Protein backbone atom coordinates (compact mmCIF):
# COMPACT_ATOMS: atom_id res chain seq x y z
CA MET A 1 14.00 2.48 56.05
CA ARG A 2 13.45 6.06 57.11
CA PRO A 3 13.30 7.65 60.56
CA TYR A 4 9.94 9.02 61.70
CA GLU A 5 8.37 10.42 64.81
CA VAL A 6 4.69 10.61 65.65
CA MET A 7 3.08 12.92 68.20
CA VAL A 8 -0.14 11.52 69.57
CA ILE A 9 -2.56 13.49 71.75
CA PHE A 10 -4.88 11.34 73.85
CA ASP A 11 -8.00 12.31 75.77
CA VAL A 12 -7.10 13.27 79.36
CA GLY A 13 -10.04 11.36 80.83
CA LEU A 14 -8.58 8.00 79.84
CA GLU A 15 -7.09 5.44 82.18
CA ASP A 16 -3.34 4.75 81.91
CA GLY A 17 -4.18 1.23 80.76
CA ASP A 18 -6.05 2.55 77.73
CA ILE A 19 -3.13 4.77 76.73
CA ASN A 20 -0.68 1.89 77.23
CA ALA A 21 -2.86 -0.41 75.12
CA SER A 22 -2.93 2.12 72.29
CA LEU A 23 0.85 2.58 72.47
CA ASP A 24 1.28 -1.20 72.39
CA ARG A 25 -0.88 -1.37 69.25
CA ILE A 26 1.28 1.31 67.60
CA THR A 27 4.58 -0.40 68.44
CA SER A 28 3.28 -3.83 67.46
CA LEU A 29 2.08 -2.47 64.10
CA VAL A 30 5.53 -0.98 63.46
CA ARG A 31 7.27 -4.19 64.52
CA ASP A 32 4.92 -6.49 62.54
CA ARG A 33 5.45 -4.50 59.33
CA GLY A 34 9.24 -4.72 59.54
CA GLY A 35 9.90 -1.41 61.24
CA ASN A 36 11.97 -0.70 64.30
CA PRO A 37 10.09 1.02 67.14
CA GLY A 38 12.24 3.43 69.11
CA ARG A 39 11.63 5.29 72.32
CA ALA A 40 8.29 6.65 73.49
CA GLU A 41 8.45 9.90 75.46
CA ARG A 42 5.45 10.67 77.62
CA TRP A 43 5.11 14.41 77.82
CA GLY A 44 2.06 14.13 80.03
CA ARG A 45 -0.91 16.41 80.46
CA ARG A 46 -0.78 19.74 78.61
CA THR A 47 -3.24 22.57 78.08
CA PHE A 48 -4.24 23.36 74.49
CA ALA A 49 -3.98 26.83 72.98
CA TYR A 50 -7.51 26.29 71.69
CA GLU A 51 -10.14 23.59 72.16
CA LEU A 52 -9.89 20.30 70.28
CA LYS A 53 -13.11 18.31 70.09
CA HIS A 54 -14.53 20.36 73.02
CA ARG A 55 -11.55 19.58 75.27
CA SER A 56 -9.00 21.99 76.70
CA GLU A 57 -6.31 19.46 77.76
CA GLY A 58 -4.64 16.41 76.27
CA TYR A 59 -2.08 13.73 77.14
CA TYR A 60 0.91 13.98 74.80
CA VAL A 61 3.14 11.07 73.73
CA LEU A 62 6.04 11.28 71.23
CA ILE A 63 7.05 7.99 69.56
CA GLU A 64 10.14 7.53 67.37
CA PHE A 65 10.53 4.68 64.89
CA THR A 66 12.14 3.68 61.60
CA ALA A 67 10.01 2.16 58.88
CA GLU A 68 9.12 2.09 55.22
CA PRO A 69 6.80 4.82 53.86
CA THR A 70 3.97 2.34 53.27
CA LEU A 71 3.80 1.65 57.00
CA VAL A 72 3.35 5.34 57.75
CA ALA A 73 0.17 5.50 55.68
CA GLU A 74 -1.24 2.50 57.55
CA LEU A 75 -0.26 3.98 60.94
CA ASP A 76 -1.87 7.29 59.99
CA ARG A 77 -5.10 5.49 59.07
CA MET A 78 -5.08 3.52 62.33
CA LEU A 79 -4.62 6.65 64.45
CA THR A 80 -7.32 8.53 62.53
CA LEU A 81 -9.84 5.77 63.23
CA ASP A 82 -8.90 5.40 66.92
CA ASP A 83 -11.52 7.14 69.08
CA ILE A 84 -9.22 7.86 72.01
CA VAL A 85 -6.76 9.83 69.86
CA LEU A 86 -7.71 13.51 69.69
CA ARG A 87 -5.01 14.43 67.20
CA HIS A 88 -1.79 13.01 65.75
CA LYS A 89 0.99 14.08 63.43
CA VAL A 90 3.57 11.85 61.73
CA LEU A 91 6.82 13.55 60.70
CA ARG A 92 9.83 12.24 58.83
CA GLN A 93 13.01 13.16 60.67
CA PRO A 94 15.83 14.74 58.66
CA ASP A 95 18.77 12.47 57.93
CA ARG A 96 21.16 14.77 59.78
CA GLN A 97 19.08 14.60 62.93
CA SER A 98 18.82 10.83 62.94
CA GLY A 99 22.52 10.20 62.39
CA ARG A 100 22.10 8.63 58.96
CA ALA A 101 23.97 11.47 57.27
CA LEU A 102 26.97 10.93 59.57
CA ARG A 103 27.10 7.23 58.75
CA ALA A 104 26.80 7.96 55.02
CA GLU A 105 29.63 10.49 55.21
CA ALA A 106 31.85 8.03 57.09
CA LYS A 107 31.13 5.37 54.48
CA ARG A 108 32.01 7.77 51.63
CA ARG A 109 35.24 8.75 53.40
CA ASP A 110 36.22 5.09 53.93
CA THR A 111 35.52 4.30 50.28
CA ALA A 112 37.67 7.23 49.15
CA ILE A 113 40.54 6.11 51.40
CA ARG A 114 40.36 2.54 50.04
CA LYS A 115 40.37 3.78 46.43
CA ALA A 116 43.38 5.99 47.12
CA ALA A 117 45.21 3.07 48.75
CA ARG A 118 44.48 0.79 45.77
CA ALA A 119 45.64 3.44 43.31
CA LYS A 120 48.86 3.93 45.27
CA ALA A 121 49.48 0.17 45.48
CA ALA A 122 48.84 -0.23 41.75
CA SER A 123 51.43 2.37 40.74
């Protein structure tokens, strides 16, 4: 599984319940397909640098999750078809940022130490 984050921009005129329902659909899709939904940061209302779909403001939400690449294509399709989403972007996080590289390095180091200990015990 790989770490991802998705930035979703919702229409400002929506009720909080509509935004919460859409976020619940996203997290349930990730969970149902074997992924692990992480935290959801609500950045709130922000002004655009230029108009999107004749709107000058949007409600930003950043969602982190880990999943297989096939899930990302399905999530992208779902967000594209959702009428309340003005724009979205799914990004794969680098391994270093997500901590996976640190765990891999620790595992390699432990393996090297065990091999050295076995070689020393064998001689």
